[in-house]
Amino acid sequence: MTLKMRNPMTKLPLLTLLFSATLTTQVQAMEKLTLVLDWYINPDHAPIMVAQQTGAFAAEGLEVNIVPPSDPALPPRLVAAKQADLAITYQPQLHFFADQGLPLMRVGTLIDTPLNTLMTLDKTVKKPADLKGKRIGYSVSGIEQATLATMLAHDGVKADQVKLINVNFQLTSALMTGQVDAVIGGYRNIEALELKLAGKEPVVLNVEDDGVPAYDELIIVANRDEAHSEKIQKFLRALKKGNAELQAHPEENWLIFAREHPELNTPLNHQAWRATLPLFAADPAKLDRARYQAYEQFLFDNKLIKGITPVQRYAIGSE
């Protein structure tokens, strides 16, 4: 009997097919998730960007599409309408959405401290009471006025003992040109740095140090119907890993971020990247219910919401 020798090359097409099939299966297994940011990409989003650029999302089987909004007011409403999986927004806004009955649920936190400040270039100012009789610039009616009034009252000054001027988000220029004596609403990791880069030394009063309940600046919201989904849990696990990597190697990850987004490679953004590091939530899923209740009460006491909504209606998370 004659034995026929098999040609090893005949196995290659089969191996190629098997390899292709495996890759196809892996691609098909990746779950798509759309995340709409609160604003254009910036250092406030560092853990998200690091999770993306280091493959943390992919390791959880997620293909995450990060979308800057065309209109900053849209992201939560897109999630409410089920046109996006997740959105970045602000805890104060979440309370307003809950009051309006929107089906939104906080599922995670990106920055777990306020960024808002009361800021001035007047070195004689040491506390809110020192601004009595001064001109104070603001941009957002309602919430910023209530925040300022609370800070002043905490220090024994009435709201009508200062003059409010709407500076329409031109906070640093209003201060530097002398249009106002102080501004409410400047971020400690942005406007304060802008002023320093311009050669100024701002006096920065953090809102939570003068009577305003602490809150999460940036949070992640989902539609209430999807809030408990495994896909969102995967996202939060990857985000936690992204932040851990960011904290361990901040400069290395800045260089990658700056290379991938050269338009953001500026001295201000580099300083903001560093300044924001300690402000990110170490565990995005963790929820401080008492803090959310306190801020809800603050808004209600200032007549900014119609009623008190139970926390479980608009926020979930681990204790």
C-alpha atoms as a PDB file:
ATOM      1  CA  MET A   1       0.000   0.000   0.000  1.00  0.00           C
ATOM      2  CA  THR A   2       1.301   3.394  -0.950  1.00  0.00           C
ATOM      3  CA  LEU A   3       1.039   6.080   1.718  1.00  0.00           C
ATOM      4  CA  LYS A   4       0.206   9.560   0.478  1.00  0.00           C
ATOM      5  CA  MET A   5       2.122  12.313   2.221  1.00  0.00           C
ATOM      6  CA  ARG A   6      -0.042  15.277   3.252  1.00  0.00           C
ATOM      7  CA  ASN A   7       1.187  18.656   2.146  1.00  0.00           C
ATOM      8  CA  PRO A   8       1.336  20.910   5.263  1.00  0.00           C
ATOM      9  CA  MET A   9       0.423  23.858   3.079  1.00  0.00           C
ATOM     10  CA  THR A  10      -3.047  22.409   2.542  1.00  0.00           C
ATOM     11  CA  LYS A  11      -3.813  23.202   6.181  1.00  0.00           C
ATOM     12  CA  LEU A  12      -3.208  26.927   5.758  1.00  0.00           C
ATOM     13  CA  PRO A  13      -6.574  27.852   4.226  1.00  0.00           C
ATOM     14  CA  LEU A  14      -8.361  26.048   7.066  1.00  0.00           C
ATOM     15  CA  LEU A  15      -6.186  27.761   9.698  1.00  0.00           C
ATOM     16  CA  THR A  16      -6.784  31.103   8.027  1.00  0.00           C
ATOM     17  CA  LEU A  17     -10.524  30.525   8.102  1.00  0.00           C
ATOM     18  CA  LEU A  18     -10.440  29.521  11.769  1.00  0.00           C
ATOM     19  CA  PHE A  19      -8.350  32.587  12.671  1.00  0.00           C
ATOM     20  CA  SER A  20     -10.670  34.870  10.732  1.00  0.00           C
ATOM     21  CA  ALA A  21     -13.696  33.303  12.387  1.00  0.00           C
ATOM     22  CA  THR A  22     -12.147  33.849  15.819  1.00  0.00           C
ATOM     23  CA  LEU A  23     -11.453  37.496  15.058  1.00  0.00           C
ATOM     24  CA  THR A  24     -14.980  37.925  13.732  1.00  0.00           C
ATOM     25  CA  THR A  25     -16.411  36.383  16.892  1.00  0.00           C
ATOM     26  CA  GLN A  26     -14.299  38.702  19.051  1.00  0.00           C
ATOM     27  CA  VAL A  27     -15.440  41.751  17.099  1.00  0.00           C
ATOM     28  CA  GLN A  28     -19.062  40.633  17.309  1.00  0.00           C
ATOM     29  CA  ALA A  29     -18.687  40.073  21.051  1.00  0.00           C
ATOM     30  CA  MET A  30     -17.712  43.710  21.653  1.00  0.00           C
ATOM     31  CA  GLU A  31     -20.696  45.629  23.008  1.00  0.00           C
ATOM     32  CA  LYS A  32     -21.141  49.128  21.638  1.00  0.00           C
ATOM     33  CA  LEU A  33     -21.673  51.927  24.153  1.00  0.00           C
ATOM     34  CA  THR A  34     -22.174  55.613  23.371  1.00  0.00           C
ATOM     35  CA  LEU A  35     -21.010  58.157  25.943  1.00  0.00           C
ATOM     36  CA  VAL A  36     -21.908  61.810  25.333  1.00  0.00           C
ATOM     37  CA  LEU A  37     -19.640  64.247  27.149  1.00  0.00           C
ATOM     38  CA  ASP A  38     -20.792  67.401  28.915  1.00  0.00           C
ATOM     39  CA  TRP A  39     -18.472  69.577  26.825  1.00  0.00           C
ATOM     40  CA  TYR A  40     -15.602  69.200  24.384  1.00  0.00           C
ATOM     41  CA  ILE A  41     -12.815  66.829  25.468  1.00  0.00           C
ATOM     42  CA  ASN A  42     -10.721  68.355  28.256  1.00  0.00           C
ATOM     43  CA  PRO A  43      -8.678  67.313  31.342  1.00  0.00           C
ATOM     44  CA  ASP A  44     -11.883  66.827  33.371  1.00  0.00           C
ATOM     45  CA  HIS A  45     -12.387  63.691  31.266  1.00  0.00           C
ATOM     46  CA  ALA A  46      -8.909  62.263  31.895  1.00  0.00           C
ATOM     47  CA  PRO A  47      -9.958  58.903  33.461  1.00  0.00           C
ATOM     48  CA  ILE A  48     -12.300  58.264  30.528  1.00  0.00           C
ATOM     49  CA  MET A  49      -9.637  59.074  27.964  1.00  0.00           C
ATOM     50  CA  VAL A  50      -7.030  56.951  29.774  1.00  0.00           C
ATOM     51  CA  ALA A  51      -9.457  54.017  29.989  1.00  0.00           C
ATOM     52  CA  GLN A  52      -9.929  54.343  26.234  1.00  0.00           C
ATOM     53  CA  GLN A  53      -6.284  54.784  25.266  1.00  0.00           C
ATOM     54  CA  THR A  54      -5.012  51.951  27.527  1.00  0.00           C
ATOM     55  CA  GLY A  55      -7.641  49.446  26.376  1.00  0.00           C
ATOM     56  CA  ALA A  56      -9.513  49.199  29.696  1.00  0.00           C
ATOM     57  CA  PHE A  57     -12.882  49.483  27.953  1.00  0.00           C
ATOM     58  CA  ALA A  58     -11.899  46.907  25.340  1.00  0.00           C
ATOM     59  CA  ALA A  59     -10.758  44.529  28.097  1.00  0.00           C
ATOM     60  CA  GLU A  60     -14.314  44.655  29.451  1.00  0.00           C
ATOM     61  CA  GLY A  61     -15.665  43.828  25.997  1.00  0.00           C
ATOM     62  CA  LEU A  62     -16.835  47.369  25.292  1.00  0.00           C
ATOM     63  CA  GLU A  63     -16.448  49.480  22.185  1.00  0.00           C
ATOM     64  CA  VAL A  64     -16.999  52.961  23.628  1.00  0.00           C
ATOM     65  CA  ASN A  65     -17.858  55.847  21.321  1.00  0.00           C
ATOM     66  CA  ILE A  66     -16.972  59.108  23.111  1.00  0.00           C
ATOM     67  CA  VAL A  67     -19.003  61.984  21.660  1.00  0.00           C
ATOM     68  CA  PRO A  68     -18.552  65.700  22.456  1.00  0.00           C
ATOM     69  CA  PRO A  69     -21.991  67.368  22.317  1.00  0.00           C
ATOM     70  CA  SER A  70     -23.092  69.821  19.660  1.00  0.00           C
ATOM     71  CA  ASP A  71     -25.039  71.570  22.440  1.00  0.00           C
ATOM     72  CA  PRO A  72     -24.053  71.217  26.133  1.00  0.00           C
ATOM     73  CA  ALA A  73     -27.730  71.073  27.112  1.00  0.00           C
ATOM     74  CA  LEU A  74     -28.364  67.944  25.028  1.00  0.00           C
ATOM     75  CA  PRO A  75     -26.406  65.017  26.578  1.00  0.00           C
ATOM     76  CA  PRO A  76     -28.767  64.103  29.470  1.00  0.00           C
ATOM     77  CA  ARG A  77     -31.803  64.551  27.248  1.00  0.00           C
ATOM     78  CA  LEU A  78     -30.328  62.210  24.635  1.00  0.00           C
ATOM     79  CA  VAL A  79     -29.985  59.573  27.363  1.00  0.00           C
ATOM     80  CA  ALA A  80     -33.523  60.250  28.596  1.00  0.00           C
ATOM     81  CA  ALA A  81     -34.730  59.673  25.017  1.00  0.00           C
ATOM     82  CA  LYS A  82     -32.600  56.481  24.749  1.00  0.00           C
ATOM     83  CA  GLN A  83     -30.522  57.965  21.942  1.00  0.00           C
ATOM     84  CA  ALA A  84     -27.299  57.454  23.932  1.00  0.00           C
ATOM     85  CA  ASP A  85     -26.286  54.999  26.639  1.00  0.00           C
ATOM     86  CA  LEU A  86     -24.552  57.381  29.027  1.00  0.00           C
ATOM     87  CA  ALA A  87     -23.929  61.091  29.447  1.00  0.00           C
ATOM     88  CA  ILE A  88     -21.676  63.245  31.584  1.00  0.00           C
ATOM     89  CA  THR A  89     -23.546  65.951  33.478  1.00  0.00           C
ATOM     90  CA  TYR A  90     -23.477  67.801  36.791  1.00  0.00           C
ATOM     91  CA  GLN A  91     -25.017  66.703  40.085  1.00  0.00           C
ATOM     92  CA  PRO A  92     -26.885  70.024  40.544  1.00  0.00           C
ATOM     93  CA  GLN A  93     -28.445  69.538  37.108  1.00  0.00           C
ATOM     94  CA  LEU A  94     -29.465  65.990  38.002  1.00  0.00           C
ATOM     95  CA  HIS A  95     -31.661  67.326  40.816  1.00  0.00           C
ATOM     96  CA  PHE A  96     -33.383  69.652  38.349  1.00  0.00           C
ATOM     97  CA  PHE A  97     -33.931  66.783  35.907  1.00  0.00           C
ATOM     98  CA  ALA A  98     -35.426  64.658  38.703  1.00  0.00           C
ATOM     99  CA  ASP A  99     -37.717  67.534  39.642  1.00  0.00           C
ATOM    100  CA  GLN A 100     -38.852  67.683  36.007  1.00  0.00           C
ATOM    101  CA  GLY A 101     -39.551  63.946  35.948  1.00  0.00           C
ATOM    102  CA  LEU A 102     -36.888  62.961  33.410  1.00  0.00           C
ATOM    103  CA  PRO A 103     -36.069  59.205  33.549  1.00  0.00           C
ATOM    104  CA  LEU A 104     -32.402  59.723  34.403  1.00  0.00           C
ATOM    105  CA  MET A 105     -30.334  57.863  36.979  1.00  0.00           C
ATOM    106  CA  ARG A 106     -26.899  58.712  38.315  1.00  0.00           C
ATOM    107  CA  VAL A 107     -24.853  55.523  37.926  1.00  0.00           C
ATOM    108  CA  GLY A 108     -21.349  56.852  38.501  1.00  0.00           C
ATOM    109  CA  THR A 109     -19.199  59.826  39.458  1.00  0.00           C
ATOM    110  CA  LEU A 110     -16.257  61.293  37.574  1.00  0.00           C
ATOM    111  CA  ILE A 111     -15.317  64.238  39.844  1.00  0.00           C
ATOM    112  CA  ASP A 112     -16.568  63.856  43.414  1.00  0.00           C
ATOM    113  CA  THR A 113     -15.969  67.374  44.703  1.00  0.00           C
ATOM    114  CA  PRO A 114     -17.316  70.779  43.650  1.00  0.00           C
ATOM    115  CA  LEU A 115     -15.165  72.758  41.228  1.00  0.00           C
ATOM    116  CA  ASN A 116     -17.150  75.955  41.746  1.00  0.00           C
ATOM    117  CA  THR A 117     -15.512  78.810  43.651  1.00  0.00           C
ATOM    118  CA  LEU A 118     -15.871  82.442  44.677  1.00  0.00           C
ATOM    119  CA  MET A 119     -12.794  84.145  43.248  1.00  0.00           C
ATOM    120  CA  THR A 120     -11.218  87.591  43.486  1.00  0.00           C
ATOM    121  CA  LEU A 121      -7.920  89.355  42.800  1.00  0.00           C
ATOM    122  CA  ASP A 122      -8.286  91.485  45.935  1.00  0.00           C
ATOM    123  CA  LYS A 123      -5.658  90.253  48.395  1.00  0.00           C
ATOM    124  CA  THR A 124      -7.530  91.823  51.336  1.00  0.00           C
ATOM    125  CA  VAL A 125     -10.378  89.316  50.884  1.00  0.00           C
ATOM    126  CA  LYS A 126     -10.021  86.382  53.259  1.00  0.00           C
ATOM    127  CA  LYS A 127     -13.664  85.334  53.604  1.00  0.00           C
ATOM    128  CA  PRO A 128     -17.032  86.002  51.874  1.00  0.00           C
ATOM    129  CA  ALA A 129     -17.916  88.806  54.330  1.00  0.00           C
ATOM    130  CA  ASP A 130     -14.984  90.824  52.987  1.00  0.00           C
ATOM    131  CA  LEU A 131     -16.920  91.218  49.727  1.00  0.00           C
ATOM    132  CA  LYS A 132     -19.684  93.246  51.371  1.00  0.00           C
ATOM    133  CA  GLY A 133     -20.522  96.219  49.132  1.00  0.00           C
ATOM    134  CA  LYS A 134     -18.544  94.777  46.205  1.00  0.00           C
ATOM    135  CA  ARG A 135     -19.521  93.913  42.612  1.00  0.00           C
ATOM    136  CA  ILE A 136     -19.731  90.162  42.005  1.00  0.00           C
ATOM    137  CA  GLY A 137     -19.959  88.646  38.548  1.00  0.00           C
ATOM    138  CA  TYR A 138     -22.042  85.571  37.771  1.00  0.00           C
ATOM    139  CA  SER A 139     -23.205  83.683  34.687  1.00  0.00           C
ATOM    140  CA  VAL A 140     -25.970  81.225  35.645  1.00  0.00           C
ATOM    141  CA  SER A 141     -29.119  82.631  37.231  1.00  0.00           C
ATOM    142  CA  GLY A 142     -30.648  80.726  40.106  1.00  0.00           C
ATOM    143  CA  ILE A 143     -28.029  78.216  41.166  1.00  0.00           C
ATOM    144  CA  GLU A 144     -25.058  80.605  41.289  1.00  0.00           C
ATOM    145  CA  GLN A 145     -27.097  83.276  43.036  1.00  0.00           C
ATOM    146  CA  ALA A 146     -28.263  80.757  45.655  1.00  0.00           C
ATOM    147  CA  THR A 147     -24.701  79.506  46.108  1.00  0.00           C
ATOM    148  CA  LEU A 148     -23.363  83.028  46.604  1.00  0.00           C
ATOM    149  CA  ALA A 149     -26.206  84.003  48.949  1.00  0.00           C
ATOM    150  CA  THR A 150     -25.511  80.920  51.073  1.00  0.00           C
ATOM    151  CA  MET A 151     -21.793  81.694  51.290  1.00  0.00           C
ATOM    152  CA  LEU A 152     -22.484  85.291  52.276  1.00  0.00           C
ATOM    153  CA  ALA A 153     -25.137  84.327  54.838  1.00  0.00           C
ATOM    154  CA  HIS A 154     -22.757  81.768  56.318  1.00  0.00           C
ATOM    155  CA  ASP A 155     -20.452  84.711  56.995  1.00  0.00           C
ATOM    156  CA  GLY A 156     -23.148  87.111  58.229  1.00  0.00           C
ATOM    157  CA  VAL A 157     -23.738  89.131  55.048  1.00  0.00           C
ATOM    158  CA  LYS A 158     -27.069  89.528  53.236  1.00  0.00           C
ATOM    159  CA  ALA A 159     -27.321  88.902  49.502  1.00  0.00           C
ATOM    160  CA  ASP A 160     -28.545  92.461  48.867  1.00  0.00           C
ATOM    161  CA  GLN A 161     -25.339  93.825  50.397  1.00  0.00           C
ATOM    162  CA  VAL A 162     -23.412  92.980  47.225  1.00  0.00           C
ATOM    163  CA  LYS A 163     -24.078  94.004  43.626  1.00  0.00           C
ATOM    164  CA  LEU A 164     -24.566  91.163  41.126  1.00  0.00           C
ATOM    165  CA  ILE A 165     -23.442  91.654  37.521  1.00  0.00           C
ATOM    166  CA  ASN A 166     -24.048  89.092  34.761  1.00  0.00           C
ATOM    167  CA  VAL A 167     -20.711  88.645  32.984  1.00  0.00           C
ATOM    168  CA  ASN A 168     -21.985  85.961  30.580  1.00  0.00           C
ATOM    169  CA  PHE A 169     -19.236  83.395  31.275  1.00  0.00           C
ATOM    170  CA  GLN A 170     -16.443  85.951  30.755  1.00  0.00           C
ATOM    171  CA  LEU A 171     -15.236  85.359  34.299  1.00  0.00           C
ATOM    172  CA  THR A 172     -11.486  85.872  34.032  1.00  0.00           C
ATOM    173  CA  SER A 173     -11.696  88.853  31.683  1.00  0.00           C
ATOM    174  CA  ALA A 174     -14.315  90.516  33.925  1.00  0.00           C
ATOM    175  CA  LEU A 175     -11.925  90.188  36.865  1.00  0.00           C
ATOM    176  CA  MET A 176      -8.806  91.275  35.003  1.00  0.00           C
ATOM    177  CA  THR A 177     -10.440  94.356  33.460  1.00  0.00           C
ATOM    178  CA  GLY A 178     -11.933  95.448  36.775  1.00  0.00           C
ATOM    179  CA  GLN A 179     -15.525  95.091  35.586  1.00  0.00           C
ATOM    180  CA  VAL A 180     -16.223  93.208  38.826  1.00  0.00           C
ATOM    181  CA  ASP A 181     -14.461  92.726  42.156  1.00  0.00           C
ATOM    182  CA  ALA A 182     -15.129  88.977  42.351  1.00  0.00           C
ATOM    183  CA  VAL A 183     -16.821  86.181  40.406  1.00  0.00           C
ATOM    184  CA  ILE A 184     -18.902  83.185  41.417  1.00  0.00           C
ATOM    185  CA  GLY A 185     -18.720  80.111  39.194  1.00  0.00           C
ATOM    186  CA  GLY A 186     -15.039  80.008  38.308  1.00  0.00           C
ATOM    187  CA  TYR A 187     -13.529  76.524  38.459  1.00  0.00           C
ATOM    188  CA  ARG A 188     -10.612  75.898  40.788  1.00  0.00           C
ATOM    189  CA  ASN A 189      -8.925  73.777  38.111  1.00  0.00           C
ATOM    190  CA  ILE A 190      -9.526  76.114  35.142  1.00  0.00           C
ATOM    191  CA  GLU A 191     -10.169  79.822  35.779  1.00  0.00           C
ATOM    192  CA  ALA A 192      -7.843  79.910  38.799  1.00  0.00           C
ATOM    193  CA  LEU A 193      -5.076  78.502  36.586  1.00  0.00           C
ATOM    194  CA  GLU A 194      -5.897  80.896  33.741  1.00  0.00           C
ATOM    195  CA  LEU A 195      -5.403  83.825  36.096  1.00  0.00           C
ATOM    196  CA  LYS A 196      -2.107  82.437  37.378  1.00  0.00           C
ATOM    197  CA  LEU A 197      -0.837  81.944  33.825  1.00  0.00           C
ATOM    198  CA  ALA A 198      -1.723  85.599  33.221  1.00  0.00           C
ATOM    199  CA  GLY A 199       0.512  86.572  36.131  1.00  0.00           C
ATOM    200  CA  LYS A 200      -2.258  87.079  38.698  1.00  0.00           C
ATOM    201  CA  GLU A 201      -2.631  85.539  42.154  1.00  0.00           C
ATOM    202  CA  PRO A 202      -6.346  84.888  42.720  1.00  0.00           C
ATOM    203  CA  VAL A 203      -7.920  84.460  46.133  1.00  0.00           C
ATOM    204  CA  VAL A 204     -10.033  81.308  45.804  1.00  0.00           C
ATOM    205  CA  LEU A 205     -12.857  80.487  48.229  1.00  0.00           C
ATOM    206  CA  ASN A 206     -14.287  76.993  47.753  1.00  0.00           C
ATOM    207  CA  VAL A 207     -18.084  76.928  47.961  1.00  0.00           C
ATOM    208  CA  GLU A 208     -18.213  73.856  50.218  1.00  0.00           C
ATOM    209  CA  ASP A 209     -16.093  75.640  52.839  1.00  0.00           C
ATOM    210  CA  ASP A 210     -18.704  78.340  53.401  1.00  0.00           C
ATOM    211  CA  GLY A 211     -22.072  76.722  53.971  1.00  0.00           C
ATOM    212  CA  VAL A 212     -22.882  75.146  50.593  1.00  0.00           C
ATOM    213  CA  PRO A 213     -23.403  71.355  50.791  1.00  0.00           C
ATOM    214  CA  ALA A 214     -20.648  69.428  49.027  1.00  0.00           C
ATOM    215  CA  TYR A 215     -21.643  67.699  45.795  1.00  0.00           C
ATOM    216  CA  ASP A 216     -20.232  65.714  42.875  1.00  0.00           C
ATOM    217  CA  GLU A 217     -19.227  68.097  40.093  1.00  0.00           C
ATOM    218  CA  LEU A 218     -19.322  65.608  37.219  1.00  0.00           C
ATOM    219  CA  ILE A 219     -21.469  62.495  37.196  1.00  0.00           C
ATOM    220  CA  ILE A 220     -22.495  59.791  34.731  1.00  0.00           C
ATOM    221  CA  VAL A 221     -26.190  59.293  34.021  1.00  0.00           C
ATOM    222  CA  ALA A 222     -28.107  56.493  32.320  1.00  0.00           C
ATOM    223  CA  ASN A 223     -31.727  56.014  31.389  1.00  0.00           C
ATOM    224  CA  ARG A 224     -33.590  54.588  34.390  1.00  0.00           C
ATOM    225  CA  ASP A 225     -34.586  51.520  32.342  1.00  0.00           C
ATOM    226  CA  GLU A 226     -30.924  50.656  31.677  1.00  0.00           C
ATOM    227  CA  ALA A 227     -29.309  51.813  34.919  1.00  0.00           C
ATOM    228  CA  HIS A 228     -28.753  48.299  36.289  1.00  0.00           C
ATOM    229  CA  SER A 229     -27.444  46.777  33.045  1.00  0.00           C
ATOM    230  CA  GLU A 230     -24.240  44.732  32.994  1.00  0.00           C
ATOM    231  CA  LYS A 231     -22.953  46.920  30.166  1.00  0.00           C
ATOM    232  CA  ILE A 232     -22.910  49.922  32.489  1.00  0.00           C
ATOM    233  CA  GLN A 233     -21.197  47.908  35.219  1.00  0.00           C
ATOM    234  CA  LYS A 234     -18.487  46.998  32.701  1.00  0.00           C
ATOM    235  CA  PHE A 235     -18.067  50.675  31.853  1.00  0.00           C
ATOM    236  CA  LEU A 236     -17.676  51.639  35.522  1.00  0.00           C
ATOM    237  CA  ARG A 237     -15.136  48.881  36.151  1.00  0.00           C
ATOM    238  CA  ALA A 238     -13.075  50.061  33.189  1.00  0.00           C
ATOM    239  CA  LEU A 239     -13.365  53.686  34.291  1.00  0.00           C
ATOM    240  CA  LYS A 240     -12.053  52.758  37.746  1.00  0.00           C
ATOM    241  CA  LYS A 241      -9.069  51.053  36.096  1.00  0.00           C
ATOM    242  CA  GLY A 242      -8.544  54.092  33.879  1.00  0.00           C
ATOM    243  CA  ASN A 243      -8.373  56.380  36.895  1.00  0.00           C
ATOM    244  CA  ALA A 244      -5.991  54.033  38.727  1.00  0.00           C
ATOM    245  CA  GLU A 245      -3.682  54.056  35.701  1.00  0.00           C
ATOM    246  CA  LEU A 246      -3.967  57.853  35.486  1.00  0.00           C
ATOM    247  CA  GLN A 247      -3.037  58.303  39.151  1.00  0.00           C
ATOM    248  CA  ALA A 248      -0.101  55.897  38.853  1.00  0.00           C
ATOM    249  CA  HIS A 249       1.321  57.431  35.662  1.00  0.00           C
ATOM    250  CA  PRO A 250      -0.087  60.962  35.212  1.00  0.00           C
ATOM    251  CA  GLU A 251       2.670  62.407  33.021  1.00  0.00           C
ATOM    252  CA  GLU A 252       2.996  59.379  30.769  1.00  0.00           C
ATOM    253  CA  ASN A 253      -0.739  59.447  30.155  1.00  0.00           C
ATOM    254  CA  TRP A 254      -0.688  63.200  29.587  1.00  0.00           C
ATOM    255  CA  LEU A 255       1.867  62.701  26.810  1.00  0.00           C
ATOM    256  CA  ILE A 256      -0.354  60.098  25.139  1.00  0.00           C
ATOM    257  CA  PHE A 257      -3.413  62.341  25.528  1.00  0.00           C
ATOM    258  CA  ALA A 258      -1.531  65.359  24.148  1.00  0.00           C
ATOM    259  CA  ARG A 259      -0.276  63.329  21.184  1.00  0.00           C
ATOM    260  CA  GLU A 260      -3.770  62.077  20.342  1.00  0.00           C
ATOM    261  CA  HIS A 261      -5.321  65.538  20.860  1.00  0.00           C
ATOM    262  CA  PRO A 262      -2.611  67.998  19.766  1.00  0.00           C
ATOM    263  CA  GLU A 263      -5.050  70.912  19.775  1.00  0.00           C
ATOM    264  CA  LEU A 264      -5.320  70.459  23.567  1.00  0.00           C
ATOM    265  CA  ASN A 265      -1.567  70.406  24.168  1.00  0.00           C
ATOM    266  CA  THR A 266      -1.391  73.796  25.913  1.00  0.00           C
ATOM    267  CA  PRO A 267       0.178  74.974  29.185  1.00  0.00           C
ATOM    268  CA  LEU A 268      -3.308  75.553  30.654  1.00  0.00           C
ATOM    269  CA  ASN A 269      -4.523  72.048  29.843  1.00  0.00           C
ATOM    270  CA  HIS A 270      -1.307  70.484  31.131  1.00  0.00           C
ATOM    271  CA  GLN A 271      -1.682  72.340  34.441  1.00  0.00           C
ATOM    272  CA  ALA A 272      -5.388  71.470  34.586  1.00  0.00           C
ATOM    273  CA  TRP A 273      -4.501  67.799  34.020  1.00  0.00           C
ATOM    274  CA  ARG A 274      -2.259  67.897  37.087  1.00  0.00           C
ATOM    275  CA  ALA A 275      -4.610  70.005  39.224  1.00  0.00           C
ATOM    276  CA  THR A 276      -7.588  67.728  38.608  1.00  0.00           C
ATOM    277  CA  LEU A 277      -5.826  64.472  39.547  1.00  0.00           C
ATOM    278  CA  PRO A 278      -6.865  64.517  43.240  1.00  0.00           C
ATOM    279  CA  LEU A 279     -10.448  65.451  42.362  1.00  0.00           C
ATOM    280  CA  PHE A 280     -11.390  62.302  40.440  1.00  0.00           C
ATOM    281  CA  ALA A 281     -13.529  59.664  42.140  1.00  0.00           C
ATOM    282  CA  ALA A 282     -11.373  56.648  43.033  1.00  0.00           C
ATOM    283  CA  ASP A 283     -14.455  54.412  42.825  1.00  0.00           C
ATOM    284  CA  PRO A 284     -16.900  55.820  40.248  1.00  0.00           C
ATOM    285  CA  ALA A 285     -19.744  53.541  41.402  1.00  0.00           C
ATOM    286  CA  LYS A 286     -19.655  54.710  45.028  1.00  0.00           C
ATOM    287  CA  LEU A 287     -22.659  56.821  46.074  1.00  0.00           C
ATOM    288  CA  ASP A 288     -22.913  59.076  49.137  1.00  0.00           C
ATOM    289  CA  ARG A 289     -26.696  59.131  49.582  1.00  0.00           C
ATOM    290  CA  ALA A 290     -26.619  61.566  52.501  1.00  0.00           C
ATOM    291  CA  ARG A 291     -24.734  64.081  50.400  1.00  0.00           C
ATOM    292  CA  TYR A 292     -27.278  63.849  47.583  1.00  0.00           C
ATOM    293  CA  GLN A 293     -30.109  64.282  50.092  1.00  0.00           C
ATOM    294  CA  ALA A 294     -28.403  67.350  51.563  1.00  0.00           C
ATOM    295  CA  TYR A 295     -27.975  69.005  48.179  1.00  0.00           C
ATOM    296  CA  GLU A 296     -31.578  68.218  47.233  1.00  0.00           C
ATOM    297  CA  GLN A 297     -32.664  69.951  50.445  1.00  0.00           C
ATOM    298  CA  PHE A 298     -30.399  72.922  49.664  1.00  0.00           C
ATOM    299  CA  LEU A 299     -32.064  73.400  46.273  1.00  0.00           C
ATOM    300  CA  PHE A 300     -35.531  73.038  47.790  1.00  0.00           C
ATOM    301  CA  ASP A 301     -34.780  75.531  50.580  1.00  0.00           C
ATOM    302  CA  ASN A 302     -33.659  78.019  47.921  1.00  0.00           C
ATOM    303  CA  LYS A 303     -36.874  77.439  45.929  1.00  0.00           C
ATOM    304  CA  LEU A 304     -34.990  76.083  42.920  1.00  0.00           C
ATOM    305  CA  ILE A 305     -36.971  72.819  42.793  1.00  0.00           C
ATOM    306  CA  LYS A 306     -40.668  72.218  43.436  1.00  0.00           C
ATOM    307  CA  GLY A 307     -40.339  69.284  45.816  1.00  0.00           C
ATOM    308  CA  ILE A 308     -38.060  66.696  47.396  1.00  0.00           C
ATOM    309  CA  THR A 309     -37.403  63.630  45.220  1.00  0.00           C
ATOM    310  CA  PRO A 310     -36.152  60.488  47.028  1.00  0.00           C
ATOM    311  CA  VAL A 311     -32.536  59.699  46.152  1.00  0.00           C
ATOM    312  CA  GLN A 312     -33.432  56.208  44.916  1.00  0.00           C
ATOM    313  CA  ARG A 313     -35.445  57.823  42.112  1.00  0.00           C
ATOM    314  CA  TYR A 314     -32.409  59.486  40.541  1.00  0.00           C
ATOM    315  CA  ALA A 315     -29.224  57.839  41.862  1.00  0.00           C
ATOM    316  CA  ILE A 316     -27.867  54.335  42.398  1.00  0.00           C
ATOM    317  CA  GLY A 317     -24.475  53.066  43.456  1.00  0.00           C
ATOM    318  CA  SER A 318     -22.464  51.146  46.000  1.00  0.00           C
ATOM    319  CA  GLU A 319     -22.270  52.401  49.581  1.00  0.00           C
END
